[in-house]
Amino acid sequence: MFKDTLRDLVEGVDGGLASTVMDSSGIALESYTRADSAFDIATVGIEYGVVLGSIQRASEQLGAGEAQEVVIETEKHATLLRVVNETYFLAFAIAPTANIGKARFRIRLAVPALIADL
């Protein structure tokens, strides 16, 4: 159901590693990892999903509105987290040399397809 959208997302960005759609409790609905990568997107999604939840609560308490996107950059990769709806989010991991702007653009294109599949 979501596999084609996740594959297109990862393969559409040079340096794309993996992507997943998860619910807020850390259960992956679907994941896709580039064939030449051993990236563990499920674990990353679970751990960073907790961070996303904390940021969402903080944004609401500050009256800043709903958090839509969080980017976490580390030495080995960057992970973009995008809220799909009140229950689900998308995690997309890219290499540190990948174009974050293109990754963000591709996510914006992918979210409506994910919503339609929900």
PDB file of N, CA and C in Angstrom:
ATOM      1  N   MET A   1       0.826  -1.191   0.000  1.00  0.00           N
ATOM      2  CA  MET A   1       0.000   0.000   0.000  1.00  0.00           C
ATOM      3  C   MET A   1       0.875   1.262   0.000  1.00  0.00           C
ATOM      4  N   PHE A   2       1.786   1.381   0.966  1.00  0.00           N
ATOM      5  CA  PHE A   2       2.652   2.557   1.056  1.00  0.00           C
ATOM      6  C   PHE A   2       4.002   2.321   0.392  1.00  0.00           C
ATOM      7  N   LYS A   3       4.300   1.071   0.060  1.00  0.00           N
ATOM      8  CA  LYS A   3       5.638   0.692  -0.408  1.00  0.00           C
ATOM      9  C   LYS A   3       6.089   1.495  -1.616  1.00  0.00           C
ATOM     10  N   ASP A   4       5.227   1.673  -2.609  1.00  0.00           N
ATOM     11  CA  ASP A   4       5.618   2.402  -3.812  1.00  0.00           C
ATOM     12  C   ASP A   4       5.971   3.850  -3.495  1.00  0.00           C
ATOM     13  N   THR A   5       5.189   4.490  -2.646  1.00  0.00           N
ATOM     14  CA  THR A   5       5.450   5.881  -2.277  1.00  0.00           C
ATOM     15  C   THR A   5       6.762   5.992  -1.519  1.00  0.00           C
ATOM     16  N   LEU A   6       7.007   5.083  -0.596  1.00  0.00           N
ATOM     17  CA  LEU A   6       8.252   5.114   0.175  1.00  0.00           C
ATOM     18  C   LEU A   6       9.456   4.829  -0.709  1.00  0.00           C
ATOM     19  N   ARG A   7       9.315   3.880  -1.622  1.00  0.00           N
ATOM     20  CA  ARG A   7      10.407   3.568  -2.564  1.00  0.00           C
ATOM     21  C   ARG A   7      10.701   4.770  -3.447  1.00  0.00           C
ATOM     22  N   ASP A   8       9.667   5.394  -3.993  1.00  0.00           N
ATOM     23  CA  ASP A   8       9.866   6.571  -4.844  1.00  0.00           C
ATOM     24  C   ASP A   8      10.549   7.703  -4.081  1.00  0.00           C
ATOM     25  N   LEU A   9      10.208   7.858  -2.819  1.00  0.00           N
ATOM     26  CA  LEU A   9      10.815   8.883  -1.986  1.00  0.00           C
ATOM     27  C   LEU A   9      12.313   8.621  -1.831  1.00  0.00           C
ATOM     28  N   VAL A  10      12.674   7.421  -1.418  1.00  0.00           N
ATOM     29  CA  VAL A  10      14.081   7.080  -1.187  1.00  0.00           C
ATOM     30  C   VAL A  10      14.881   7.116  -2.481  1.00  0.00           C
ATOM     31  N   GLU A  11      14.353   6.510  -3.522  1.00  0.00           N
ATOM     32  CA  GLU A  11      15.086   6.434  -4.787  1.00  0.00           C
ATOM     33  C   GLU A  11      15.126   7.770  -5.521  1.00  0.00           C
ATOM     34  N   GLY A  12      14.242   8.685  -5.157  1.00  0.00           N
ATOM     35  CA  GLY A  12      14.182   9.983  -5.821  1.00  0.00           C
ATOM     36  C   GLY A  12      15.158  11.015  -5.288  1.00  0.00           C
ATOM     37  N   VAL A  13      15.901  10.663  -4.240  1.00  0.00           N
ATOM     38  CA  VAL A  13      16.876  11.587  -3.656  1.00  0.00           C
ATOM     39  C   VAL A  13      18.230  10.889  -3.640  1.00  0.00           C
ATOM     40  N   ASP A  14      19.233  11.469  -4.314  1.00  0.00           N
ATOM     41  CA  ASP A  14      20.583  10.919  -4.241  1.00  0.00           C
ATOM     42  C   ASP A  14      21.021  10.937  -2.788  1.00  0.00           C
ATOM     43  N   GLY A  15      21.374   9.787  -2.262  1.00  0.00           N
ATOM     44  CA  GLY A  15      21.737   9.692  -0.859  1.00  0.00           C
ATOM     45  C   GLY A  15      20.584   9.283   0.034  1.00  0.00           C
ATOM     46  N   GLY A  16      19.415   9.028  -0.554  1.00  0.00           N
ATOM     47  CA  GLY A  16      18.294   8.522   0.240  1.00  0.00           C
ATOM     48  C   GLY A  16      18.636   7.139   0.765  1.00  0.00           C
ATOM     49  N   LEU A  17      18.368   6.873   2.025  1.00  0.00           N
ATOM     50  CA  LEU A  17      18.708   5.587   2.633  1.00  0.00           C
ATOM     51  C   LEU A  17      17.487   4.722   2.905  1.00  0.00           C
ATOM     52  N   ALA A  18      16.500   5.282   3.588  1.00  0.00           N
ATOM     53  CA  ALA A  18      15.332   4.494   3.983  1.00  0.00           C
ATOM     54  C   ALA A  18      14.212   5.418   4.426  1.00  0.00           C
ATOM     55  N   SER A  19      12.993   4.891   4.407  1.00  0.00           N
ATOM     56  CA  SER A  19      11.839   5.657   4.884  1.00  0.00           C
ATOM     57  C   SER A  19      10.824   4.697   5.495  1.00  0.00           C
ATOM     58  N   THR A  20      10.000   5.256   6.374  1.00  0.00           N
ATOM     59  CA  THR A  20       8.971   4.452   7.020  1.00  0.00           C
ATOM     60  C   THR A  20       7.777   5.326   7.371  1.00  0.00           C
ATOM     61  N   VAL A  21       6.607   4.713   7.421  1.00  0.00           N
ATOM     62  CA  VAL A  21       5.407   5.344   7.952  1.00  0.00           C
ATOM     63  C   VAL A  21       5.107   4.625   9.253  1.00  0.00           C
ATOM     64  N   MET A  22       5.003   5.399  10.337  1.00  0.00           N
ATOM     65  CA  MET A  22       4.776   4.826  11.665  1.00  0.00           C
ATOM     66  C   MET A  22       3.613   5.512  12.344  1.00  0.00           C
ATOM     67  N   ASP A  23       3.023   4.779  13.286  1.00  0.00           N
ATOM     68  CA  ASP A  23       2.035   5.444  14.127  1.00  0.00           C
ATOM     69  C   ASP A  23       2.748   5.995  15.357  1.00  0.00           C
ATOM     70  N   SER A  24       2.045   6.785  16.122  1.00  0.00           N
ATOM     71  CA  SER A  24       2.669   7.484  17.246  1.00  0.00           C
ATOM     72  C   SER A  24       3.146   6.547  18.354  1.00  0.00           C
ATOM     73  N   SER A  25       2.725   5.296  18.337  1.00  0.00           N
ATOM     74  CA  SER A  25       3.202   4.341  19.337  1.00  0.00           C
ATOM     75  C   SER A  25       4.428   3.571  18.860  1.00  0.00           C
ATOM     76  N   GLY A  26       4.913   3.866  17.649  1.00  0.00           N
ATOM     77  CA  GLY A  26       6.133   3.243  17.146  1.00  0.00           C
ATOM     78  C   GLY A  26       5.930   1.993  16.324  1.00  0.00           C
ATOM     79  N   ILE A  27       4.725   1.760  15.877  1.00  0.00           N
ATOM     80  CA  ILE A  27       4.455   0.598  15.028  1.00  0.00           C
ATOM     81  C   ILE A  27       4.543   1.020  13.572  1.00  0.00           C
ATOM     82  N   ALA A  28       5.451   0.384  12.836  1.00  0.00           N
ATOM     83  CA  ALA A  28       5.639   0.714  11.427  1.00  0.00           C
ATOM     84  C   ALA A  28       4.535   0.083  10.582  1.00  0.00           C
ATOM     85  N   LEU A  29       3.902   0.902   9.748  1.00  0.00           N
ATOM     86  CA  LEU A  29       2.917   0.380   8.803  1.00  0.00           C
ATOM     87  C   LEU A  29       3.614  -0.212   7.588  1.00  0.00           C
ATOM     88  N   GLU A  30       4.688   0.465   7.171  1.00  0.00           N
ATOM     89  CA  GLU A  30       5.463   0.022   6.006  1.00  0.00           C
ATOM     90  C   GLU A  30       6.799   0.728   6.039  1.00  0.00           C
ATOM     91  N   SER A  31       7.820   0.078   5.515  1.00  0.00           N
ATOM     92  CA  SER A  31       9.161   0.665   5.423  1.00  0.00           C
ATOM     93  C   SER A  31       9.787   0.293   4.088  1.00  0.00           C
ATOM     94  N   TYR A  32      10.745   1.091   3.684  1.00  0.00           N
ATOM     95  CA  TYR A  32      11.524   0.784   2.484  1.00  0.00           C
ATOM     96  C   TYR A  32      12.965   1.200   2.753  1.00  0.00           C
ATOM     97  N   THR A  33      13.896   0.295   2.476  1.00  0.00           N
ATOM     98  CA  THR A  33      15.319   0.573   2.610  1.00  0.00           C
ATOM     99  C   THR A  33      15.986   0.305   1.276  1.00  0.00           C
ATOM    100  N   ARG A  34      16.838   1.231   0.859  1.00  0.00           N
ATOM    101  CA  ARG A  34      17.571   1.069  -0.396  1.00  0.00           C
ATOM    102  C   ARG A  34      18.311  -0.273  -0.363  1.00  0.00           C
ATOM    103  N   ALA A  35      18.351  -0.968  -1.477  1.00  0.00           N
ATOM    104  CA  ALA A  35      18.917  -2.316  -1.544  1.00  0.00           C
ATOM    105  C   ALA A  35      20.369  -2.384  -1.073  1.00  0.00           C
ATOM    106  N   ASP A  36      21.148  -1.349  -1.326  1.00  0.00           N
ATOM    107  CA  ASP A  36      22.564  -1.369  -0.950  1.00  0.00           C
ATOM    108  C   ASP A  36      22.815  -0.781   0.437  1.00  0.00           C
ATOM    109  N   SER A  37      21.767  -0.650   1.230  1.00  0.00           N
ATOM    110  CA  SER A  37      21.878  -0.065   2.563  1.00  0.00           C
ATOM    111  C   SER A  37      21.385  -1.051   3.613  1.00  0.00           C
ATOM    112  N   ALA A  38      22.038  -1.051   4.760  1.00  0.00           N
ATOM    113  CA  ALA A  38      21.601  -1.877   5.879  1.00  0.00           C
ATOM    114  C   ALA A  38      21.007  -0.992   6.968  1.00  0.00           C
ATOM    115  N   PHE A  39      20.491   0.163   6.591  1.00  0.00           N
ATOM    116  CA  PHE A  39      19.991   1.148   7.539  1.00  0.00           C
ATOM    117  C   PHE A  39      18.773   0.602   8.278  1.00  0.00           C
ATOM    118  N   ASP A  40      18.746   0.759   9.584  1.00  0.00           N
ATOM    119  CA  ASP A  40      17.649   0.257  10.421  1.00  0.00           C
ATOM    120  C   ASP A  40      16.639   1.381  10.671  1.00  0.00           C
ATOM    121  N   ILE A  41      15.795   1.634   9.696  1.00  0.00           N
ATOM    122  CA  ILE A  41      14.841   2.738   9.771  1.00  0.00           C
ATOM    123  C   ILE A  41      13.782   2.493  10.840  1.00  0.00           C
ATOM    124  N   ALA A  42      13.464   1.245  11.144  1.00  0.00           N
ATOM    125  CA  ALA A  42      12.441   0.965  12.159  1.00  0.00           C
ATOM    126  C   ALA A  42      12.894   1.477  13.530  1.00  0.00           C
ATOM    127  N   THR A  43      14.114   1.164  13.911  1.00  0.00           N
ATOM    128  CA  THR A  43      14.620   1.620  15.209  1.00  0.00           C
ATOM    129  C   THR A  43      14.753   3.129  15.247  1.00  0.00           C
ATOM    130  N   VAL A  44      15.264   3.714  14.179  1.00  0.00           N
ATOM    131  CA  VAL A  44      15.392   5.167  14.104  1.00  0.00           C
ATOM    132  C   VAL A  44      14.019   5.814  14.220  1.00  0.00           C
ATOM    133  N   GLY A  45      13.042   5.284  13.511  1.00  0.00           N
ATOM    134  CA  GLY A  45      11.683   5.831  13.569  1.00  0.00           C
ATOM    135  C   GLY A  45      11.089   5.758  14.965  1.00  0.00           C
ATOM    136  N   ILE A  46      11.302   4.649  15.647  1.00  0.00           N
ATOM    137  CA  ILE A  46      10.770   4.488  17.004  1.00  0.00           C
ATOM    138  C   ILE A  46      11.398   5.517  17.941  1.00  0.00           C
ATOM    139  N   GLU A  47      12.726   5.614  17.920  1.00  0.00           N
ATOM    140  CA  GLU A  47      13.425   6.517  18.839  1.00  0.00           C
ATOM    141  C   GLU A  47      13.129   7.979  18.534  1.00  0.00           C
ATOM    142  N   TYR A  48      13.197   8.362  17.264  1.00  0.00           N
ATOM    143  CA  TYR A  48      12.947   9.749  16.904  1.00  0.00           C
ATOM    144  C   TYR A  48      11.463  10.096  16.968  1.00  0.00           C
ATOM    145  N   GLY A  49      10.597   9.096  16.886  1.00  0.00           N
ATOM    146  CA  GLY A  49       9.166   9.339  17.055  1.00  0.00           C
ATOM    147  C   GLY A  49       8.858   9.865  18.449  1.00  0.00           C
ATOM    148  N   VAL A  50       9.605   9.397  19.437  1.00  0.00           N
ATOM    149  CA  VAL A  50       9.461   9.896  20.805  1.00  0.00           C
ATOM    150  C   VAL A  50       9.841  11.373  20.857  1.00  0.00           C
ATOM    151  N   VAL A  51      10.928  11.717  20.163  1.00  0.00           N
ATOM    152  CA  VAL A  51      11.378  13.114  20.094  1.00  0.00           C
ATOM    153  C   VAL A  51      10.308  13.973  19.423  1.00  0.00           C
ATOM    154  N   LEU A  52       9.756  13.476  18.331  1.00  0.00           N
ATOM    155  CA  LEU A  52       8.708  14.207  17.621  1.00  0.00           C
ATOM    156  C   LEU A  52       7.513  14.465  18.537  1.00  0.00           C
ATOM    157  N   GLY A  53       7.111  13.465  19.299  1.00  0.00           N
ATOM    158  CA  GLY A  53       6.002  13.640  20.228  1.00  0.00           C
ATOM    159  C   GLY A  53       6.283  14.717  21.261  1.00  0.00           C
ATOM    160  N   SER A  54       7.505  14.748  21.771  1.00  0.00           N
ATOM    161  CA  SER A  54       7.893  15.772  22.749  1.00  0.00           C
ATOM    162  C   SER A  54       7.871  17.161  22.129  1.00  0.00           C
ATOM    163  N   ILE A  55       8.346  17.260  20.909  1.00  0.00           N
ATOM    164  CA  ILE A  55       8.353  18.556  20.214  1.00  0.00           C
ATOM    165  C   ILE A  55       6.924  19.010  19.932  1.00  0.00           C
ATOM    166  N   GLN A  56       6.048  18.086  19.577  1.00  0.00           N
ATOM    167  CA  GLN A  56       4.653  18.443  19.335  1.00  0.00           C
ATOM    168  C   GLN A  56       4.003  18.985  20.606  1.00  0.00           C
ATOM    169  N   ARG A  57       4.244  18.325  21.722  1.00  0.00           N
ATOM    170  CA  ARG A  57       3.670  18.792  22.993  1.00  0.00           C
ATOM    171  C   ARG A  57       4.234  20.161  23.377  1.00  0.00           C
ATOM    172  N   ALA A  58       5.523  20.359  23.208  1.00  0.00           N
ATOM    173  CA  ALA A  58       6.152  21.643  23.536  1.00  0.00           C
ATOM    174  C   ALA A  58       5.601  22.754  22.650  1.00  0.00           C
ATOM    175  N   SER A  59       5.421  22.488  21.368  1.00  0.00           N
ATOM    176  CA  SER A  59       4.885  23.492  20.443  1.00  0.00           C
ATOM    177  C   SER A  59       3.488  23.926  20.851  1.00  0.00           C
ATOM    178  N   GLU A  60       2.681  22.954  21.248  1.00  0.00           N
ATOM    179  CA  GLU A  60       1.322  23.277  21.690  1.00  0.00           C
ATOM    180  C   GLU A  60       1.342  24.106  22.969  1.00  0.00           C
ATOM    181  N   GLN A  61       2.199  23.736  23.926  1.00  0.00           N
ATOM    182  CA  GLN A  61       2.286  24.478  25.184  1.00  0.00           C
ATOM    183  C   GLN A  61       2.780  25.901  24.966  1.00  0.00           C
ATOM    184  N   LEU A  62       3.624  26.097  23.972  1.00  0.00           N
ATOM    185  CA  LEU A  62       4.147  27.433  23.675  1.00  0.00           C
ATOM    186  C   LEU A  62       3.181  28.263  22.837  1.00  0.00           C
ATOM    187  N   GLY A  63       2.088  27.647  22.394  1.00  0.00           N
ATOM    188  CA  GLY A  63       1.136  28.347  21.548  1.00  0.00           C
ATOM    189  C   GLY A  63       1.676  28.589  20.153  1.00  0.00           C
ATOM    190  N   ALA A  64       2.636  27.765  19.726  1.00  0.00           N
ATOM    191  CA  ALA A  64       3.268  27.930  18.422  1.00  0.00           C
ATOM    192  C   ALA A  64       2.522  27.207  17.307  1.00  0.00           C
ATOM    193  N   GLY A  65       1.475  26.491  17.660  1.00  0.00           N
ATOM    194  CA  GLY A  65       0.763  25.699  16.664  1.00  0.00           C
ATOM    195  C   GLY A  65       1.342  24.296  16.593  1.00  0.00           C
ATOM    196  N   GLU A  66       0.832  23.530  15.675  1.00  0.00           N
ATOM    197  CA  GLU A  66       1.259  22.141  15.540  1.00  0.00           C
ATOM    198  C   GLU A  66       2.601  22.040  14.850  1.00  0.00           C
ATOM    199  N   ALA A  67       3.494  21.210  15.402  1.00  0.00           N
ATOM    200  CA  ALA A  67       4.782  20.927  14.748  1.00  0.00           C
ATOM    201  C   ALA A  67       4.502  20.101  13.497  1.00  0.00           C
ATOM    202  N   GLN A  68       5.112  20.463  12.396  1.00  0.00           N
ATOM    203  CA  GLN A  68       4.898  19.766  11.128  1.00  0.00           C
ATOM    204  C   GLN A  68       6.084  18.904  10.715  1.00  0.00           C
ATOM    205  N   GLU A  69       7.297  19.408  10.987  1.00  0.00           N
ATOM    206  CA  GLU A  69       8.486  18.727  10.487  1.00  0.00           C
ATOM    207  C   GLU A  69       9.649  18.953  11.435  1.00  0.00           C
ATOM    208  N   VAL A  70      10.461  17.921  11.599  1.00  0.00           N
ATOM    209  CA  VAL A  70      11.667  17.999  12.413  1.00  0.00           C
ATOM    210  C   VAL A  70      12.785  17.349  11.617  1.00  0.00           C
ATOM    211  N   VAL A  71      13.956  17.983  11.606  1.00  0.00           N
ATOM    212  CA  VAL A  71      15.129  17.419  10.948  1.00  0.00           C
ATOM    213  C   VAL A  71      16.201  17.214  12.008  1.00  0.00           C
ATOM    214  N   ILE A  72      16.726  15.997  12.064  1.00  0.00           N
ATOM    215  CA  ILE A  72      17.794  15.672  12.999  1.00  0.00           C
ATOM    216  C   ILE A  72      19.014  15.288  12.173  1.00  0.00           C
ATOM    217  N   GLU A  73      20.060  16.098  12.269  1.00  0.00           N
ATOM    218  CA  GLU A  73      21.289  15.836  11.524  1.00  0.00           C
ATOM    219  C   GLU A  73      22.348  15.294  12.472  1.00  0.00           C
ATOM    220  N   THR A  74      22.955  14.195  12.079  1.00  0.00           N
ATOM    221  CA  THR A  74      24.057  13.613  12.829  1.00  0.00           C
ATOM    222  C   THR A  74      25.241  13.429  11.885  1.00  0.00           C
ATOM    223  N   GLU A  75      26.352  12.954  12.398  1.00  0.00           N
ATOM    224  CA  GLU A  75      27.527  12.737  11.547  1.00  0.00           C
ATOM    225  C   GLU A  75      27.263  11.748  10.427  1.00  0.00           C
ATOM    226  N   LYS A  76      26.496  10.711  10.717  1.00  0.00           N
ATOM    227  CA  LYS A  76      26.335   9.612   9.766  1.00  0.00           C
ATOM    228  C   LYS A  76      25.110   9.702   8.878  1.00  0.00           C
ATOM    229  N   HIS A  77      24.097  10.472   9.276  1.00  0.00           N
ATOM    230  CA  HIS A  77      22.898  10.624   8.449  1.00  0.00           C
ATOM    231  C   HIS A  77      22.035  11.757   8.991  1.00  0.00           C
ATOM    232  N   ALA A  78      21.066  12.126   8.202  1.00  0.00           N
ATOM    233  CA  ALA A  78      20.040  13.073   8.649  1.00  0.00           C
ATOM    234  C   ALA A  78      18.709  12.338   8.558  1.00  0.00           C
ATOM    235  N   THR A  79      17.831  12.619   9.503  1.00  0.00           N
ATOM    236  CA  THR A  79      16.502  12.020   9.481  1.00  0.00           C
ATOM    237  C   THR A  79      15.472  13.134   9.492  1.00  0.00           C
ATOM    238  N   LEU A  80      14.594  13.096   8.523  1.00  0.00           N
ATOM    239  CA  LEU A  80      13.506  14.060   8.427  1.00  0.00           C
ATOM    240  C   LEU A  80      12.238  13.378   8.913  1.00  0.00           C
ATOM    241  N   LEU A  81      11.564  14.000   9.847  1.00  0.00           N
ATOM    242  CA  LEU A  81      10.308  13.491  10.380  1.00  0.00           C
ATOM    243  C   LEU A  81       9.207  14.443   9.963  1.00  0.00           C
ATOM    244  N   ARG A  82       8.168  13.919   9.353  1.00  0.00           N
ATOM    245  CA  ARG A  82       7.063  14.749   8.867  1.00  0.00           C
ATOM    246  C   ARG A  82       5.750  14.174   9.371  1.00  0.00           C
ATOM    247  N   VAL A  83       4.946  15.006   9.994  1.00  0.00           N
ATOM    248  CA  VAL A  83       3.632  14.590  10.463  1.00  0.00           C
ATOM    249  C   VAL A  83       2.739  14.345   9.245  1.00  0.00           C
ATOM    250  N   VAL A  84       2.102  13.182   9.212  1.00  0.00           N
ATOM    251  CA  VAL A  84       1.166  12.855   8.131  1.00  0.00           C
ATOM    252  C   VAL A  84      -0.248  13.237   8.569  1.00  0.00           C
ATOM    253  N   ASN A  85      -0.619  12.849   9.765  1.00  0.00           N
ATOM    254  CA  ASN A  85      -1.891  13.256  10.381  1.00  0.00           C
ATOM    255  C   ASN A  85      -1.740  13.110  11.896  1.00  0.00           C
ATOM    256  N   GLU A  86      -2.823  13.177  12.636  1.00  0.00           N
ATOM    257  CA  GLU A  86      -2.717  13.156  14.098  1.00  0.00           C
ATOM    258  C   GLU A  86      -2.194  11.836  14.646  1.00  0.00           C
ATOM    259  N   THR A  87      -2.173  10.781  13.854  1.00  0.00           N
ATOM    260  CA  THR A  87      -1.744   9.467  14.317  1.00  0.00           C
ATOM    261  C   THR A  87      -0.434   8.992  13.705  1.00  0.00           C
ATOM    262  N   TYR A  88      -0.145   9.402  12.478  1.00  0.00           N
ATOM    263  CA  TYR A  88       0.987   8.847  11.741  1.00  0.00           C
ATOM    264  C   TYR A  88       2.022   9.903  11.368  1.00  0.00           C
ATOM    265  N   PHE A  89       3.273   9.430  11.239  1.00  0.00           N
ATOM    266  CA  PHE A  89       4.340  10.288  10.763  1.00  0.00           C
ATOM    267  C   PHE A  89       5.226   9.518   9.795  1.00  0.00           C
ATOM    268  N   LEU A  90       5.982  10.259   9.021  1.00  0.00           N
ATOM    269  CA  LEU A  90       6.924   9.718   8.048  1.00  0.00           C
ATOM    270  C   LEU A  90       8.325  10.019   8.537  1.00  0.00           C
ATOM    271  N   ALA A  91       9.205   9.020   8.503  1.00  0.00           N
ATOM    272  CA  ALA A  91      10.624   9.219   8.797  1.00  0.00           C
ATOM    273  C   ALA A  91      11.399   8.889   7.528  1.00  0.00           C
ATOM    274  N   PHE A  92      12.310   9.769   7.142  1.00  0.00           N
ATOM    275  CA  PHE A  92      13.104   9.605   5.920  1.00  0.00           C
ATOM    276  C   PHE A  92      14.558   9.868   6.261  1.00  0.00           C
ATOM    277  N   ALA A  93      15.390   8.850   6.126  1.00  0.00           N
ATOM    278  CA  ALA A  93      16.814   8.968   6.435  1.00  0.00           C
ATOM    279  C   ALA A  93      17.604   9.178   5.152  1.00  0.00           C
ATOM    280  N   ILE A  94      18.540  10.126   5.208  1.00  0.00           N
ATOM    281  CA  ILE A  94      19.385  10.433   4.054  1.00  0.00           C
ATOM    282  C   ILE A  94      20.850  10.501   4.497  1.00  0.00           C
ATOM    283  N   ALA A  95      21.741  10.311   3.543  1.00  0.00           N
ATOM    284  CA  ALA A  95      23.172  10.429   3.809  1.00  0.00           C
ATOM    285  C   ALA A  95      23.499  11.884   4.138  1.00  0.00           C
ATOM    286  N   PRO A  96      24.591  12.128   4.860  1.00  0.00           N
ATOM    287  CA  PRO A  96      24.931  13.510   5.224  1.00  0.00           C
ATOM    288  C   PRO A  96      25.249  14.394   4.016  1.00  0.00           C
ATOM    289  N   THR A  97      25.574  13.781   2.887  1.00  0.00           N
ATOM    290  CA  THR A  97      25.885  14.543   1.675  1.00  0.00           C
ATOM    291  C   THR A  97      24.661  14.794   0.799  1.00  0.00           C
ATOM    292  N   ALA A  98      23.521  14.220   1.159  1.00  0.00           N
ATOM    293  CA  ALA A  98      22.298  14.372   0.364  1.00  0.00           C
ATOM    294  C   ALA A  98      21.761  15.802   0.475  1.00  0.00           C
ATOM    295  N   ASN A  99      20.966  16.165  -0.488  1.00  0.00           N
ATOM    296  CA  ASN A  99      20.362  17.495  -0.547  1.00  0.00           C
ATOM    297  C   ASN A  99      19.091  17.511   0.314  1.00  0.00           C
ATOM    298  N   ILE A 100      19.176  18.145   1.476  1.00  0.00           N
ATOM    299  CA  ILE A 100      18.033  18.179   2.398  1.00  0.00           C
ATOM    300  C   ILE A 100      16.841  18.904   1.779  1.00  0.00           C
ATOM    301  N   GLY A 101      17.111  19.951   1.011  1.00  0.00           N
ATOM    302  CA  GLY A 101      16.024  20.679   0.364  1.00  0.00           C
ATOM    303  C   GLY A 101      15.236  19.787  -0.575  1.00  0.00           C
ATOM    304  N   LYS A 102      15.938  18.980  -1.353  1.00  0.00           N
ATOM    305  CA  LYS A 102      15.245  18.066  -2.262  1.00  0.00           C
ATOM    306  C   LYS A 102      14.480  17.005  -1.465  1.00  0.00           C
ATOM    307  N   ALA A 103      15.076  16.525  -0.381  1.00  0.00           N
ATOM    308  CA  ALA A 103      14.396  15.535   0.457  1.00  0.00           C
ATOM    309  C   ALA A 103      13.106  16.119   1.030  1.00  0.00           C
ATOM    310  N   ARG A 104      13.155  17.358   1.509  1.00  0.00           N
ATOM    311  CA  ARG A 104      11.956  18.008   2.045  1.00  0.00           C
ATOM    312  C   ARG A 104      10.895  18.177   0.957  1.00  0.00           C
ATOM    313  N   PHE A 105      11.324  18.545  -0.249  1.00  0.00           N
ATOM    314  CA  PHE A 105      10.389  18.699  -1.371  1.00  0.00           C
ATOM    315  C   PHE A 105       9.724  17.370  -1.704  1.00  0.00           C
ATOM    316  N   ARG A 106      10.526  16.303  -1.763  1.00  0.00           N
ATOM    317  CA  ARG A 106       9.976  14.987  -2.091  1.00  0.00           C
ATOM    318  C   ARG A 106       9.007  14.496  -1.008  1.00  0.00           C
ATOM    319  N   ILE A 107       9.289  14.852   0.244  1.00  0.00           N
ATOM    320  CA  ILE A 107       8.367  14.500   1.329  1.00  0.00           C
ATOM    321  C   ILE A 107       7.034  15.205   1.135  1.00  0.00           C
ATOM    322  N   ARG A 108       7.085  16.492   0.790  1.00  0.00           N
ATOM    323  CA  ARG A 108       5.828  17.235   0.580  1.00  0.00           C
ATOM    324  C   ARG A 108       5.002  16.607  -0.532  1.00  0.00           C
ATOM    325  N   LEU A 109       5.665  16.046  -1.538  1.00  0.00           N
ATOM    326  CA  LEU A 109       4.940  15.363  -2.608  1.00  0.00           C
ATOM    327  C   LEU A 109       4.396  14.010  -2.156  1.00  0.00           C
ATOM    328  N   ALA A 110       5.102  13.343  -1.249  1.00  0.00           N
ATOM    329  CA  ALA A 110       4.719  11.996  -0.827  1.00  0.00           C
ATOM    330  C   ALA A 110       3.566  11.989   0.176  1.00  0.00           C
ATOM    331  N   VAL A 111       3.491  12.996   1.035  1.00  0.00           N
ATOM    332  CA  VAL A 111       2.490  12.984   2.111  1.00  0.00           C
ATOM    333  C   VAL A 111       1.055  12.869   1.589  1.00  0.00           C
ATOM    334  N   PRO A 112       0.648  13.609   0.566  1.00  0.00           N
ATOM    335  CA  PRO A 112      -0.741  13.432   0.079  1.00  0.00           C
ATOM    336  C   PRO A 112      -1.030  12.005  -0.398  1.00  0.00           C
ATOM    337  N   ALA A 113      -0.053  11.338  -1.003  1.00  0.00           N
ATOM    338  CA  ALA A 113      -0.251   9.949  -1.433  1.00  0.00           C
ATOM    339  C   ALA A 113      -0.405   9.032  -0.224  1.00  0.00           C
ATOM    340  N   LEU A 114       0.376   9.297   0.823  1.00  0.00           N
ATOM    341  CA  LEU A 114       0.258   8.496   2.051  1.00  0.00           C
ATOM    342  C   LEU A 114      -1.109   8.695   2.693  1.00  0.00           C
ATOM    343  N   ILE A 115      -1.553   9.942   2.741  1.00  0.00           N
ATOM    344  CA  ILE A 115      -2.870  10.237   3.318  1.00  0.00           C
ATOM    345  C   ILE A 115      -3.969   9.527   2.533  1.00  0.00           C
ATOM    346  N   ALA A 116      -3.855   9.533   1.213  1.00  0.00           N
ATOM    347  CA  ALA A 116      -4.855   8.857   0.377  1.00  0.00           C
ATOM    348  C   ALA A 116      -4.894   7.359   0.645  1.00  0.00           C
ATOM    349  N   ASP A 117      -3.739   6.771   0.969  1.00  0.00           N
ATOM    350  CA  ASP A 117      -3.672   5.329   1.247  1.00  0.00           C
ATOM    351  C   ASP A 117      -4.168   4.979   2.650  1.00  0.00           C
ATOM    352  N   LEU A 118      -4.211   5.967   3.525  1.00  0.00           N
ATOM    353  CA  LEU A 118      -4.703   5.696   4.882  1.00  0.00           C
ATOM    354  C   LEU A 118      -6.205   5.530   4.837  1.00  0.00           C
TER     355      LEU A 118
END
